[in-house]
């Protein structure tokens, strides 16, 4: 819960996401200040690269095995 509450603020609204593989779980929220928090969860035993598209922004990264990451967008 600590990880989520650091980036997803009170009053945030969940927004839709889509993904191209079942190796990740994703969810996203629009905070009341207009920022978006996108949470990526890797449930596999291997680290994985990913590319995240948000409107006209692109974020490339990697996530370790059994890890969770949150990306923030304006």
Protein backbone atom coordinates (compact mmCIF):
# COMPACT_ATOMS: atom_id res chain seq x y z
CA UNK A 1 0.00 0.00 0.00
CA UNK A 2 2.88 2.36 0.70
CA UNK A 3 4.02 2.26 -2.91
CA UNK A 4 0.56 3.09 -4.25
CA UNK A 5 -0.17 5.86 -1.77
CA UNK A 6 3.08 7.63 -2.67
CA UNK A 7 1.94 8.21 -6.28
CA UNK A 8 -1.85 7.75 -6.33
CA UNK A 9 -3.29 10.61 -4.34
CA UNK A 10 -6.64 10.82 -2.49
CA UNK A 11 -9.43 11.56 -4.95
CA UNK A 12 -7.60 9.97 -7.92
CA UNK A 13 -9.73 8.36 -10.63
CA UNK A 14 -8.78 5.09 -12.31
CA UNK A 15 -8.39 5.35 -16.08
CA UNK A 16 -8.19 2.65 -18.73
CA UNK A 17 -5.00 0.95 -19.86
CA UNK A 18 -4.14 -1.64 -22.46
CA UNK A 19 -1.15 -3.94 -22.80
CA UNK A 20 0.34 -6.09 -25.53
CA UNK A 21 1.43 -9.03 -23.37
CA UNK A 22 0.15 -10.97 -20.40
CA UNK A 23 3.59 -10.81 -18.72
CA UNK A 24 2.68 -7.45 -17.14
CA UNK A 25 -0.17 -6.13 -15.09
CA UNK A 26 -0.92 -2.42 -15.50
CA UNK A 27 -3.24 0.14 -14.02
CA UNK A 28 -3.37 3.93 -14.23
CA UNK A 29 -4.91 6.80 -12.28
CA UNK A 30 -5.51 10.50 -12.91
CA UNK A 31 -4.66 12.47 -9.80
CA UNK A 32 -6.57 15.60 -8.85
CA UNK A 33 -3.53 17.74 -9.78
CA UNK A 34 -3.75 16.46 -13.38
CA UNK A 35 -0.82 14.05 -13.21
CA UNK A 36 -1.22 10.43 -14.27
CA UNK A 37 0.32 7.53 -12.34
CA UNK A 38 0.86 4.35 -14.36
CA UNK A 39 1.69 1.24 -12.32
CA UNK A 40 3.51 -1.68 -13.96
CA UNK A 41 3.80 -5.08 -12.22
CA UNK A 42 6.08 -7.88 -13.42
CA UNK A 43 4.96 -11.25 -12.04
CA UNK A 44 7.50 -13.27 -14.04
CA UNK A 45 10.82 -14.78 -12.94
CA UNK A 46 12.77 -12.61 -15.42
CA UNK A 47 13.40 -8.93 -15.90
CA UNK A 48 11.55 -7.50 -18.89
CA UNK A 49 11.92 -4.44 -21.12
CA UNK A 50 8.85 -2.35 -21.93
CA UNK A 51 7.73 0.70 -23.86
CA UNK A 52 4.90 2.79 -22.46
CA UNK A 53 2.91 5.16 -24.68
CA UNK A 54 0.96 7.96 -23.02
CA UNK A 55 -0.64 10.46 -25.37
CA UNK A 56 2.34 11.95 -27.24
CA UNK A 57 4.90 10.74 -24.67
CA UNK A 58 6.98 7.59 -24.82
CA UNK A 59 8.83 5.93 -21.93
CA UNK A 60 11.17 3.00 -22.42
CA UNK A 61 12.37 1.05 -19.44
CA UNK A 62 12.86 -2.31 -17.87
CA UNK A 63 11.45 -3.92 -14.78
CA UNK A 64 13.13 -6.59 -12.66
CA UNK A 65 11.49 -9.93 -11.92
CA UNK A 66 8.63 -9.75 -9.39
CA UNK A 67 8.83 -5.95 -9.21
CA UNK A 68 6.46 -3.02 -9.28
CA UNK A 69 7.15 0.41 -10.79
CA UNK A 70 5.16 3.60 -11.14
CA UNK A 71 5.67 6.16 -13.87
CA UNK A 72 4.28 9.69 -13.59
CA UNK A 73 3.09 11.77 -16.55
CA UNK A 74 1.92 15.38 -16.81
